[in-house]
């Protein structure tokens, strides 16, 4: 059985530290690729107040087998008290690309 690929969404403060955060997750084999999209303006409710901040949106490519390890490490490294982490299964895509994602994470099962 092939390990399902996940696309995970995570916001991170708009700062130079986001590059190191992303690099660590890739170097540790928890993600194959992380796209950093700067300039995201987030409006949210936190501790009873409506807040607006500029953040980066991280698009993290990983597998279902690596998700729990990714989540654990992300929660250790992330500066927010309650970081966003939402995983969406990839139902379709370029097969060779999806195989590359699977091959790029350590501990993934069913990698091509």
PDB file of N, CA and C in Angstrom:
ATOM      1  N   UNK A   1       0.849  -1.193   0.000  1.00  0.00           N
ATOM      2  CA  UNK A   1       0.000   0.000   0.000  1.00  0.00           C
ATOM      3  C   UNK A   1       0.887   1.247   0.000  1.00  0.00           C
ATOM      4  N   UNK A   2       0.508   2.248  -0.752  1.00  0.00           N
ATOM      5  CA  UNK A   2       1.259   3.479  -0.867  1.00  0.00           C
ATOM      6  C   UNK A   2       0.853   4.437   0.242  1.00  0.00           C
ATOM      7  N   UNK A   3       1.847   5.034   0.881  1.00  0.00           N
ATOM      8  CA  UNK A   3       1.607   5.985   1.960  1.00  0.00           C
ATOM      9  C   UNK A   3       0.958   7.247   1.388  1.00  0.00           C
ATOM     10  N   UNK A   4      -0.209   7.649   1.901  1.00  0.00           N
ATOM     11  CA  UNK A   4      -0.865   8.852   1.384  1.00  0.00           C
ATOM     12  C   UNK A   4      -0.021  10.111   1.629  1.00  0.00           C
ATOM     13  N   UNK A   5      -0.029  10.987   0.645  1.00  0.00           N
ATOM     14  CA  UNK A   5       0.647  12.275   0.754  1.00  0.00           C
ATOM     15  C   UNK A   5      -0.322  13.263   1.390  1.00  0.00           C
ATOM     16  N   UNK A   6       0.205  14.121   2.267  1.00  0.00           N
ATOM     17  CA  UNK A   6      -0.582  15.162   2.916  1.00  0.00           C
ATOM     18  C   UNK A   6      -0.025  16.532   2.566  1.00  0.00           C
ATOM     19  N   UNK A   7      -0.915  17.501   2.431  1.00  0.00           N
ATOM     20  CA  UNK A   7      -0.540  18.901   2.317  1.00  0.00           C
ATOM     21  C   UNK A   7      -0.968  19.552   3.620  1.00  0.00           C
ATOM     22  N   UNK A   8       0.003  20.058   4.373  1.00  0.00           N
ATOM     23  CA  UNK A   8      -0.279  20.646   5.677  1.00  0.00           C
ATOM     24  C   UNK A   8      -0.137  22.159   5.601  1.00  0.00           C
ATOM     25  N   UNK A   9      -1.062  22.838   6.234  1.00  0.00           N
ATOM     26  CA  UNK A   9      -1.047  24.289   6.306  1.00  0.00           C
ATOM     27  C   UNK A   9      -0.603  24.706   7.702  1.00  0.00           C
ATOM     28  N   UNK A  10       0.296  25.675   7.753  1.00  0.00           N
ATOM     29  CA  UNK A  10       0.771  26.187   9.027  1.00  0.00           C
ATOM     30  C   UNK A  10       1.128  27.655   8.824  1.00  0.00           C
ATOM     31  N   UNK A  11       0.671  28.528   9.730  1.00  0.00           N
ATOM     32  CA  UNK A  11       1.109  29.910   9.674  1.00  0.00           C
ATOM     33  C   UNK A  11       2.274  30.092  10.637  1.00  0.00           C
ATOM     34  N   UNK A  12       3.134  31.053  10.299  1.00  0.00           N
ATOM     35  CA  UNK A  12       4.335  31.321  11.093  1.00  0.00           C
ATOM     36  C   UNK A  12       4.534  32.831  11.095  1.00  0.00           C
ATOM     37  N   UNK A  13       5.040  33.391  12.184  1.00  0.00           N
ATOM     38  CA  UNK A  13       5.266  34.843  12.184  1.00  0.00           C
ATOM     39  C   UNK A  13       6.130  35.256  10.992  1.00  0.00           C
ATOM     40  N   UNK A  14       5.811  36.394  10.411  1.00  0.00           N
ATOM     41  CA  UNK A  14       6.578  36.901   9.282  1.00  0.00           C
ATOM     42  C   UNK A  14       7.933  37.373   9.804  1.00  0.00           C
ATOM     43  N   UNK A  15       8.913  36.487   9.759  1.00  0.00           N
ATOM     44  CA  UNK A  15      10.237  36.803  10.287  1.00  0.00           C
ATOM     45  C   UNK A  15      11.292  35.972   9.575  1.00  0.00           C
ATOM     46  N   UNK A  16      12.545  36.389   9.669  1.00  0.00           N
ATOM     47  CA  UNK A  16      13.626  35.602   9.061  1.00  0.00           C
ATOM     48  C   UNK A  16      13.739  34.190   9.651  1.00  0.00           C
ATOM     49  N   UNK A  17      13.194  33.957  10.832  1.00  0.00           N
ATOM     50  CA  UNK A  17      13.295  32.651  11.472  1.00  0.00           C
ATOM     51  C   UNK A  17      12.478  31.568  10.759  1.00  0.00           C
ATOM     52  N   UNK A  18      11.534  31.953   9.918  1.00  0.00           N
ATOM     53  CA  UNK A  18      10.704  30.952   9.241  1.00  0.00           C
ATOM     54  C   UNK A  18      11.536  30.070   8.309  1.00  0.00           C
ATOM     55  N   UNK A  19      12.587  30.623   7.725  1.00  0.00           N
ATOM     56  CA  UNK A  19      13.441  29.826   6.834  1.00  0.00           C
ATOM     57  C   UNK A  19      14.130  28.715   7.609  1.00  0.00           C
ATOM     58  N   UNK A  20      14.645  29.020   8.786  1.00  0.00           N
ATOM     59  CA  UNK A  20      15.289  28.005   9.618  1.00  0.00           C
ATOM     60  C   UNK A  20      14.323  26.963  10.111  1.00  0.00           C
ATOM     61  N   UNK A  21      13.113  27.391  10.446  1.00  0.00           N
ATOM     62  CA  UNK A  21      12.057  26.481  10.886  1.00  0.00           C
ATOM     63  C   UNK A  21      11.752  25.471   9.778  1.00  0.00           C
ATOM     64  N   UNK A  22      11.535  25.974   8.563  1.00  0.00           N
ATOM     65  CA  UNK A  22      11.233  25.105   7.422  1.00  0.00           C
ATOM     66  C   UNK A  22      12.406  24.176   7.117  1.00  0.00           C
ATOM     67  N   UNK A  23      13.608  24.718   7.136  1.00  0.00           N
ATOM     68  CA  UNK A  23      14.793  23.915   6.830  1.00  0.00           C
ATOM     69  C   UNK A  23      14.960  22.774   7.828  1.00  0.00           C
ATOM     70  N   UNK A  24      14.728  23.038   9.095  1.00  0.00           N
ATOM     71  CA  UNK A  24      14.845  22.000  10.122  1.00  0.00           C
ATOM     72  C   UNK A  24      13.877  20.855   9.857  1.00  0.00           C
ATOM     73  N   UNK A  25      12.630  21.164   9.534  1.00  0.00           N
ATOM     74  CA  UNK A  25      11.639  20.110   9.291  1.00  0.00           C
ATOM     75  C   UNK A  25      12.010  19.254   8.084  1.00  0.00           C
ATOM     76  N   UNK A  26      12.589  19.886   7.059  1.00  0.00           N
ATOM     77  CA  UNK A  26      13.015  19.128   5.872  1.00  0.00           C
ATOM     78  C   UNK A  26      14.274  18.324   6.189  1.00  0.00           C
ATOM     79  N   UNK A  27      15.237  18.947   6.841  1.00  0.00           N
ATOM     80  CA  UNK A  27      16.479  18.239   7.166  1.00  0.00           C
ATOM     81  C   UNK A  27      16.229  17.023   8.062  1.00  0.00           C
ATOM     82  N   UNK A  28      15.249  17.112   8.937  1.00  0.00           N
ATOM     83  CA  UNK A  28      14.946  16.007   9.845  1.00  0.00           C
ATOM     84  C   UNK A  28      14.069  14.929   9.211  1.00  0.00           C
ATOM     85  N   UNK A  29      13.754  15.073   7.921  1.00  0.00           N
ATOM     86  CA  UNK A  29      12.995  14.057   7.210  1.00  0.00           C
ATOM     87  C   UNK A  29      11.520  14.030   7.557  1.00  0.00           C
ATOM     88  N   UNK A  30      11.000  15.148   8.048  1.00  0.00           N
ATOM     89  CA  UNK A  30       9.588  15.223   8.420  1.00  0.00           C
ATOM     90  C   UNK A  30       8.732  15.781   7.292  1.00  0.00           C
ATOM     91  N   UNK A  31       9.363  16.451   6.360  1.00  0.00           N
ATOM     92  CA  UNK A  31       8.696  17.012   5.185  1.00  0.00           C
ATOM     93  C   UNK A  31       9.678  16.944   4.027  1.00  0.00           C
ATOM     94  N   UNK A  32       9.158  16.829   2.825  1.00  0.00           N
ATOM     95  CA  UNK A  32      10.007  16.827   1.642  1.00  0.00           C
ATOM     96  C   UNK A  32      10.198  18.233   1.098  1.00  0.00           C
ATOM     97  N   UNK A  33       9.171  19.051   1.230  1.00  0.00           N
ATOM     98  CA  UNK A  33       9.203  20.400   0.674  1.00  0.00           C
ATOM     99  C   UNK A  33       8.285  21.289   1.503  1.00  0.00           C
ATOM    100  N   UNK A  34       8.724  22.515   1.745  1.00  0.00           N
ATOM    101  CA  UNK A  34       7.879  23.501   2.416  1.00  0.00           C
ATOM    102  C   UNK A  34       7.947  24.791   1.612  1.00  0.00           C
ATOM    103  N   UNK A  35       6.803  25.233   1.118  1.00  0.00           N
ATOM    104  CA  UNK A  35       6.714  26.519   0.436  1.00  0.00           C
ATOM    105  C   UNK A  35       6.344  27.569   1.477  1.00  0.00           C
ATOM    106  N   UNK A  36       7.058  28.699   1.441  1.00  0.00           N
ATOM    107  CA  UNK A  36       6.807  29.796   2.367  1.00  0.00           C
ATOM    108  C   UNK A  36       6.211  30.961   1.586  1.00  0.00           C
ATOM    109  N   UNK A  37       4.967  31.288   1.880  1.00  0.00           N
ATOM    110  CA  UNK A  37       4.279  32.373   1.197  1.00  0.00           C
ATOM    111  C   UNK A  37       4.171  33.562   2.147  1.00  0.00           C
ATOM    112  N   UNK A  38       4.987  34.601   1.934  1.00  0.00           N
ATOM    113  CA  UNK A  38       4.977  35.747   2.830  1.00  0.00           C
ATOM    114  C   UNK A  38       3.794  36.671   2.565  1.00  0.00           C
ATOM    115  N   UNK A  39       3.562  37.570   3.505  1.00  0.00           N
ATOM    116  CA  UNK A  39       2.564  38.618   3.306  1.00  0.00           C
ATOM    117  C   UNK A  39       1.129  38.191   3.542  1.00  0.00           C
ATOM    118  N   UNK A  40       0.913  37.074   4.217  1.00  0.00           N
ATOM    119  CA  UNK A  40      -0.446  36.640   4.528  1.00  0.00           C
ATOM    120  C   UNK A  40      -0.954  37.504   5.680  1.00  0.00           C
ATOM    121  N   UNK A  41      -2.124  38.056   5.535  1.00  0.00           N
ATOM    122  CA  UNK A  41      -2.714  38.866   6.594  1.00  0.00           C
ATOM    123  C   UNK A  41      -3.802  38.037   7.267  1.00  0.00           C
ATOM    124  N   UNK A  42      -3.579  37.736   8.525  1.00  0.00           N
ATOM    125  CA  UNK A  42      -4.502  36.874   9.266  1.00  0.00           C
ATOM    126  C   UNK A  42      -5.284  37.692  10.282  1.00  0.00           C
ATOM    127  N   UNK A  43      -6.592  37.509  10.277  1.00  0.00           N
ATOM    128  CA  UNK A  43      -7.477  38.110  11.276  1.00  0.00           C
ATOM    129  C   UNK A  43      -8.102  36.972  12.040  1.00  0.00           C
ATOM    130  N   UNK A  44      -8.001  37.017  13.363  1.00  0.00           N
ATOM    131  CA  UNK A  44      -8.421  35.891  14.190  1.00  0.00           C
ATOM    132  C   UNK A  44      -8.808  36.373  15.586  1.00  0.00           C
ATOM    133  N   UNK A  45      -9.523  35.523  16.300  1.00  0.00           N
ATOM    134  CA  UNK A  45      -9.875  35.809  17.683  1.00  0.00           C
ATOM    135  C   UNK A  45      -8.890  35.075  18.582  1.00  0.00           C
ATOM    136  N   UNK A  46      -8.263  35.812  19.505  1.00  0.00           N
ATOM    137  CA  UNK A  46      -7.321  35.216  20.450  1.00  0.00           C
ATOM    138  C   UNK A  46      -7.520  35.865  21.811  1.00  0.00           C
ATOM    139  N   UNK A  47      -7.780  35.039  22.809  1.00  0.00           N
ATOM    140  CA  UNK A  47      -7.985  35.477  24.180  1.00  0.00           C
ATOM    141  C   UNK A  47      -9.013  36.605  24.266  1.00  0.00           C
ATOM    142  N   UNK A  48     -10.123  36.420  23.545  1.00  0.00           N
ATOM    143  CA  UNK A  48     -11.246  37.349  23.600  1.00  0.00           C
ATOM    144  C   UNK A  48     -11.109  38.596  22.752  1.00  0.00           C
ATOM    145  N   UNK A  49     -10.014  38.759  22.029  1.00  0.00           N
ATOM    146  CA  UNK A  49      -9.804  39.936  21.197  1.00  0.00           C
ATOM    147  C   UNK A  49      -9.674  39.538  19.741  1.00  0.00           C
ATOM    148  N   UNK A  50     -10.091  40.424  18.851  1.00  0.00           N
ATOM    149  CA  UNK A  50      -9.873  40.227  17.427  1.00  0.00           C
ATOM    150  C   UNK A  50      -8.526  40.851  17.081  1.00  0.00           C
ATOM    151  N   UNK A  51      -7.656  40.057  16.493  1.00  0.00           N
ATOM    152  CA  UNK A  51      -6.286  40.476  16.171  1.00  0.00           C
ATOM    153  C   UNK A  51      -6.052  40.363  14.668  1.00  0.00           C
ATOM    154  N   UNK A  52      -5.125  41.147  14.171  1.00  0.00           N
ATOM    155  CA  UNK A  52      -4.685  41.047  12.783  1.00  0.00           C
ATOM    156  C   UNK A  52      -3.163  41.082  12.778  1.00  0.00           C
ATOM    157  N   UNK A  53      -2.561  40.125  12.074  1.00  0.00           N
ATOM    158  CA  UNK A  53      -1.112  40.041  11.978  1.00  0.00           C
ATOM    159  C   UNK A  53      -0.700  39.678  10.568  1.00  0.00           C
ATOM    160  N   UNK A  54       0.539  40.009  10.243  1.00  0.00           N
ATOM    161  CA  UNK A  54       1.148  39.571   8.987  1.00  0.00           C
ATOM    162  C   UNK A  54       1.950  38.314   9.309  1.00  0.00           C
ATOM    163  N   UNK A  55       1.721  37.271   8.538  1.00  0.00           N
ATOM    164  CA  UNK A  55       2.363  35.987   8.760  1.00  0.00           C
ATOM    165  C   UNK A  55       2.858  35.434   7.436  1.00  0.00           C
ATOM    166  N   UNK A  56       3.542  34.319   7.517  1.00  0.00           N
ATOM    167  CA  UNK A  56       3.847  33.513   6.334  1.00  0.00           C
ATOM    168  C   UNK A  56       2.952  32.282   6.402  1.00  0.00           C
ATOM    169  N   UNK A  57       2.465  31.852   5.263  1.00  0.00           N
ATOM    170  CA  UNK A  57       1.732  30.599   5.173  1.00  0.00           C
ATOM    171  C   UNK A  57       2.708  29.544   4.679  1.00  0.00           C
ATOM    172  N   UNK A  58       2.869  28.486   5.458  1.00  0.00           N
ATOM    173  CA  UNK A  58       3.742  27.390   5.069  1.00  0.00           C
ATOM    174  C   UNK A  58       2.885  26.265   4.497  1.00  0.00           C
ATOM    175  N   UNK A  59       3.258  25.797   3.321  1.00  0.00           N
ATOM    176  CA  UNK A  59       2.617  24.641   2.694  1.00  0.00           C
ATOM    177  C   UNK A  59       3.610  23.495   2.818  1.00  0.00           C
ATOM    178  N   UNK A  60       3.289  22.561   3.682  1.00  0.00           N
ATOM    179  CA  UNK A  60       4.215  21.491   4.046  1.00  0.00           C
ATOM    180  C   UNK A  60       3.773  20.194   3.373  1.00  0.00           C
ATOM    181  N   UNK A  61       4.674  19.587   2.598  1.00  0.00           N
ATOM    182  CA  UNK A  61       4.376  18.316   1.948  1.00  0.00           C
ATOM    183  C   UNK A  61       5.026  17.182   2.729  1.00  0.00           C
ATOM    184  N   UNK A  62       4.200  16.236   3.181  1.00  0.00           N
ATOM    185  CA  UNK A  62       4.663  15.101   3.959  1.00  0.00           C
ATOM    186  C   UNK A  62       3.774  13.902   3.648  1.00  0.00           C
ATOM    187  N   UNK A  63       3.889  12.874   4.460  1.00  0.00           N
ATOM    188  CA  UNK A  63       3.054  11.684   4.284  1.00  0.00           C
ATOM    189  C   UNK A  63       2.291  11.403   5.570  1.00  0.00           C
ATOM    190  N   UNK A  64       1.265  10.579   5.441  1.00  0.00           N
ATOM    191  CA  UNK A  64       0.469  10.204   6.613  1.00  0.00           C
ATOM    192  C   UNK A  64       1.326   9.511   7.666  1.00  0.00           C
ATOM    193  N   UNK A  65       2.287   8.706   7.223  1.00  0.00           N
ATOM    194  CA  UNK A  65       3.153   7.985   8.157  1.00  0.00           C
ATOM    195  C   UNK A  65       4.047   8.928   8.953  1.00  0.00           C
ATOM    196  N   UNK A  66       4.365  10.090   8.420  1.00  0.00           N
ATOM    197  CA  UNK A  66       5.261  11.035   9.096  1.00  0.00           C
ATOM    198  C   UNK A  66       4.518  12.159   9.814  1.00  0.00           C
ATOM    199  N   UNK A  67       3.192  12.193   9.679  1.00  0.00           N
ATOM    200  CA  UNK A  67       2.438  13.319  10.231  1.00  0.00           C
ATOM    201  C   UNK A  67       2.604  13.467  11.745  1.00  0.00           C
ATOM    202  N   UNK A  68       2.480  12.394  12.497  1.00  0.00           N
ATOM    203  CA  UNK A  68       2.574  12.511  13.956  1.00  0.00           C
ATOM    204  C   UNK A  68       3.940  13.028  14.388  1.00  0.00           C
ATOM    205  N   UNK A  69       5.005  12.556  13.756  1.00  0.00           N
ATOM    206  CA  UNK A  69       6.343  13.045  14.076  1.00  0.00           C
ATOM    207  C   UNK A  69       6.496  14.512  13.673  1.00  0.00           C
ATOM    208  N   UNK A  70       5.948  14.884  12.510  1.00  0.00           N
ATOM    209  CA  UNK A  70       5.968  16.277  12.072  1.00  0.00           C
ATOM    210  C   UNK A  70       5.240  17.149  13.083  1.00  0.00           C
ATOM    211  N   UNK A  71       4.066  16.721  13.503  1.00  0.00           N
ATOM    212  CA  UNK A  71       3.271  17.503  14.458  1.00  0.00           C
ATOM    213  C   UNK A  71       4.027  17.691  15.772  1.00  0.00           C
ATOM    214  N   UNK A  72       4.616  16.630  16.279  1.00  0.00           N
ATOM    215  CA  UNK A  72       5.361  16.721  17.535  1.00  0.00           C
ATOM    216  C   UNK A  72       6.489  17.737  17.426  1.00  0.00           C
ATOM    217  N   UNK A  73       7.267  17.640  16.351  1.00  0.00           N
ATOM    218  CA  UNK A  73       8.417  18.538  16.183  1.00  0.00           C
ATOM    219  C   UNK A  73       7.971  19.968  15.922  1.00  0.00           C
ATOM    220  N   UNK A  74       6.931  20.145  15.116  1.00  0.00           N
ATOM    221  CA  UNK A  74       6.413  21.471  14.829  1.00  0.00           C
ATOM    222  C   UNK A  74       5.974  22.157  16.121  1.00  0.00           C
ATOM    223  N   UNK A  75       5.287  21.417  16.990  1.00  0.00           N
ATOM    224  CA  UNK A  75       4.833  21.996  18.254  1.00  0.00           C
ATOM    225  C   UNK A  75       6.006  22.340  19.168  1.00  0.00           C
ATOM    226  N   UNK A  76       7.099  21.607  19.071  1.00  0.00           N
ATOM    227  CA  UNK A  76       8.293  21.911  19.866  1.00  0.00           C
ATOM    228  C   UNK A  76       8.986  23.190  19.389  1.00  0.00           C
ATOM    229  N   UNK A  77       9.030  23.390  18.081  1.00  0.00           N
ATOM    230  CA  UNK A  77       9.805  24.480  17.493  1.00  0.00           C
ATOM    231  C   UNK A  77       9.028  25.775  17.270  1.00  0.00           C
ATOM    232  N   UNK A  78       7.729  25.687  17.114  1.00  0.00           N
ATOM    233  CA  UNK A  78       6.917  26.837  16.710  1.00  0.00           C
ATOM    234  C   UNK A  78       6.808  27.850  17.845  1.00  0.00           C
ATOM    235  N   UNK A  79       6.912  29.147  17.543  1.00  0.00           N
ATOM    236  CA  UNK A  79       6.856  30.154  18.601  1.00  0.00           C
ATOM    237  C   UNK A  79       5.452  30.438  19.147  1.00  0.00           C
ATOM    238  N   UNK A  80       4.410  30.041  18.451  1.00  0.00           N
ATOM    239  CA  UNK A  80       3.050  30.315  18.938  1.00  0.00           C
ATOM    240  C   UNK A  80       2.642  29.332  20.025  1.00  0.00           C
ATOM    241  N   UNK A  81       1.808  29.782  20.952  1.00  0.00           N
ATOM    242  CA  UNK A  81       1.250  28.912  21.984  1.00  0.00           C
ATOM    243  C   UNK A  81       0.290  27.894  21.366  1.00  0.00           C
ATOM    244  N   UNK A  82      -0.369  28.279  20.282  1.00  0.00           N
ATOM    245  CA  UNK A  82      -1.330  27.408  19.603  1.00  0.00           C
ATOM    246  C   UNK A  82      -1.118  27.510  18.089  1.00  0.00           C
ATOM    247  N   UNK A  83      -0.107  26.811  17.565  1.00  0.00           N
ATOM    248  CA  UNK A  83       0.162  26.914  16.129  1.00  0.00           C
ATOM    249  C   UNK A  83      -0.920  26.239  15.292  1.00  0.00           C
ATOM    250  N   UNK A  84      -1.151  26.831  14.138  1.00  0.00           N
ATOM    251  CA  UNK A  84      -2.045  26.220  13.157  1.00  0.00           C
ATOM    252  C   UNK A  84      -1.322  25.041  12.522  1.00  0.00           C
ATOM    253  N   UNK A  85      -2.014  23.915  12.459  1.00  0.00           N
ATOM    254  CA  UNK A  85      -1.534  22.764  11.687  1.00  0.00           C
ATOM    255  C   UNK A  85      -2.758  22.018  11.202  1.00  0.00           C
ATOM    256  N   UNK A  86      -2.983  22.098   9.912  1.00  0.00           N
ATOM    257  CA  UNK A  86      -4.130  21.444   9.276  1.00  0.00           C
ATOM    258  C   UNK A  86      -3.598  20.580   8.153  1.00  0.00           C
ATOM    259  N   UNK A  87      -3.942  19.297   8.169  1.00  0.00           N
ATOM    260  CA  UNK A  87      -3.470  18.367   7.146  1.00  0.00           C
ATOM    261  C   UNK A  87      -4.633  17.970   6.240  1.00  0.00           C
ATOM    262  N   UNK A  88      -4.385  18.051   4.948  1.00  0.00           N
ATOM    263  CA  UNK A  88      -5.386  17.702   3.943  1.00  0.00           C
ATOM    264  C   UNK A  88      -4.804  16.588   3.071  1.00  0.00           C
ATOM    265  N   UNK A  89      -5.528  15.486   2.909  1.00  0.00           N
ATOM    266  CA  UNK A  89      -5.007  14.422   2.048  1.00  0.00           C
ATOM    267  C   UNK A  89      -4.982  14.862   0.583  1.00  0.00           C
ATOM    268  N   UNK A  90      -3.924  14.481  -0.114  1.00  0.00           N
ATOM    269  CA  UNK A  90      -3.811  14.767  -1.544  1.00  0.00           C
ATOM    270  C   UNK A  90      -4.463  13.597  -2.272  1.00  0.00           C
ATOM    271  N   UNK A  91      -5.575  13.869  -2.909  1.00  0.00           N
ATOM    272  CA  UNK A  91      -6.329  12.806  -3.572  1.00  0.00           C
ATOM    273  C   UNK A  91      -5.790  12.484  -4.957  1.00  0.00           C
ATOM    274  N   UNK A  92      -5.271  13.497  -5.630  1.00  0.00           N
ATOM    275  CA  UNK A  92      -4.738  13.310  -6.974  1.00  0.00           C
ATOM    276  C   UNK A  92      -3.534  14.224  -7.157  1.00  0.00           C
ATOM    277  N   UNK A  93      -2.704  13.866  -8.123  1.00  0.00           N
ATOM    278  CA  UNK A  93      -1.555  14.698  -8.438  1.00  0.00           C
ATOM    279  C   UNK A  93      -0.668  14.007  -9.442  1.00  0.00           C
ATOM    280  N   UNK A  94       0.432  14.635  -9.745  1.00  0.00           N
ATOM    281  CA  UNK A  94       1.416  14.081 -10.658  1.00  0.00           C
ATOM    282  C   UNK A  94       2.096  12.931  -9.921  1.00  0.00           C
ATOM    283  N   UNK A  95       1.947  11.709 -10.427  1.00  0.00           N
ATOM    284  CA  UNK A  95       2.435  10.519  -9.730  1.00  0.00           C
ATOM    285  C   UNK A  95       3.920  10.606  -9.394  1.00  0.00           C
ATOM    286  N   UNK A  96       4.721  11.082 -10.316  1.00  0.00           N
ATOM    287  CA  UNK A  96       6.158  11.176 -10.063  1.00  0.00           C
ATOM    288  C   UNK A  96       6.451  12.165  -8.936  1.00  0.00           C
ATOM    289  N   UNK A  97       5.715  13.261  -8.879  1.00  0.00           N
ATOM    290  CA  UNK A  97       5.900  14.242  -7.802  1.00  0.00           C
ATOM    291  C   UNK A  97       5.499  13.643  -6.466  1.00  0.00           C
ATOM    292  N   UNK A  98       4.373  12.957  -6.428  1.00  0.00           N
ATOM    293  CA  UNK A  98       3.911  12.346  -5.179  1.00  0.00           C
ATOM    294  C   UNK A  98       4.891  11.274  -4.703  1.00  0.00           C
ATOM    295  N   UNK A  99       5.467  10.532  -5.626  1.00  0.00           N
ATOM    296  CA  UNK A  99       6.499   9.556  -5.258  1.00  0.00           C
ATOM    297  C   UNK A  99       7.728  10.254  -4.687  1.00  0.00           C
ATOM    298  N   UNK A 100       8.077  11.405  -5.248  1.00  0.00           N
ATOM    299  CA  UNK A 100       9.205  12.192  -4.743  1.00  0.00           C
ATOM    300  C   UNK A 100       8.941  12.648  -3.301  1.00  0.00           C
ATOM    301  N   UNK A 101       7.714  13.089  -3.037  1.00  0.00           N
ATOM    302  CA  UNK A 101       7.359  13.489  -1.665  1.00  0.00           C
ATOM    303  C   UNK A 101       7.528  12.298  -0.730  1.00  0.00           C
ATOM    304  N   UNK A 102       7.014  11.143  -1.124  1.00  0.00           N
ATOM    305  CA  UNK A 102       7.125   9.943  -0.279  1.00  0.00           C
ATOM    306  C   UNK A 102       8.588   9.567  -0.025  1.00  0.00           C
ATOM    307  N   UNK A 103       9.398   9.648  -1.070  1.00  0.00           N
ATOM    308  CA  UNK A 103      10.802   9.271  -0.941  1.00  0.00           C
ATOM    309  C   UNK A 103      11.598  10.248  -0.095  1.00  0.00           C
ATOM    310  N   UNK A 104      11.116  11.463   0.029  1.00  0.00           N
ATOM    311  CA  UNK A 104      11.851  12.515   0.712  1.00  0.00           C
ATOM    312  C   UNK A 104      11.676  12.563   2.219  1.00  0.00           C
ATOM    313  N   UNK A 105      10.793  11.746   2.749  1.00  0.00           N
ATOM    314  CA  UNK A 105      10.592  11.734   4.209  1.00  0.00           C
ATOM    315  C   UNK A 105      11.074  10.413   4.771  1.00  0.00           C
ATOM    316  N   UNK A 106      11.801  10.484   5.848  1.00  0.00           N
ATOM    317  CA  UNK A 106      12.306   9.271   6.481  1.00  0.00           C
ATOM    318  C   UNK A 106      11.188   8.612   7.274  1.00  0.00           C
ATOM    319  N   UNK A 107      11.168   7.296   7.232  1.00  0.00           N
ATOM    320  CA  UNK A 107      10.183   6.554   8.003  1.00  0.00           C
ATOM    321  C   UNK A 107       8.874   6.343   7.272  1.00  0.00           C
ATOM    322  N   UNK A 108       8.772   6.874   6.053  1.00  0.00           N
ATOM    323  CA  UNK A 108       7.553   6.698   5.269  1.00  0.00           C
ATOM    324  C   UNK A 108       7.492   5.262   4.748  1.00  0.00           C
ATOM    325  N   UNK A 109       6.295   4.706   4.724  1.00  0.00           N
ATOM    326  CA  UNK A 109       6.119   3.361   4.190  1.00  0.00           C
ATOM    327  C   UNK A 109       5.565   3.453   2.774  1.00  0.00           C
ATOM    328  N   UNK A 110       5.911   2.503   1.966  1.00  0.00           N
ATOM    329  CA  UNK A 110       5.379   2.443   0.616  1.00  0.00           C
ATOM    330  C   UNK A 110       6.010   3.420  -0.341  1.00  0.00           C
ATOM    331  N   UNK A 111       7.162   3.975  -0.019  1.00  0.00           N
ATOM    332  CA  UNK A 111       7.818   4.927  -0.910  1.00  0.00           C
ATOM    333  C   UNK A 111       8.274   4.228  -2.190  1.00  0.00           C
ATOM    334  N   UNK A 112       8.166   4.958  -3.260  1.00  0.00           N
ATOM    335  CA  UNK A 112       8.566   4.398  -4.553  1.00  0.00           C
ATOM    336  C   UNK A 112      10.063   4.356  -4.680  1.00  0.00           C
TER     337      UNK A 112
END
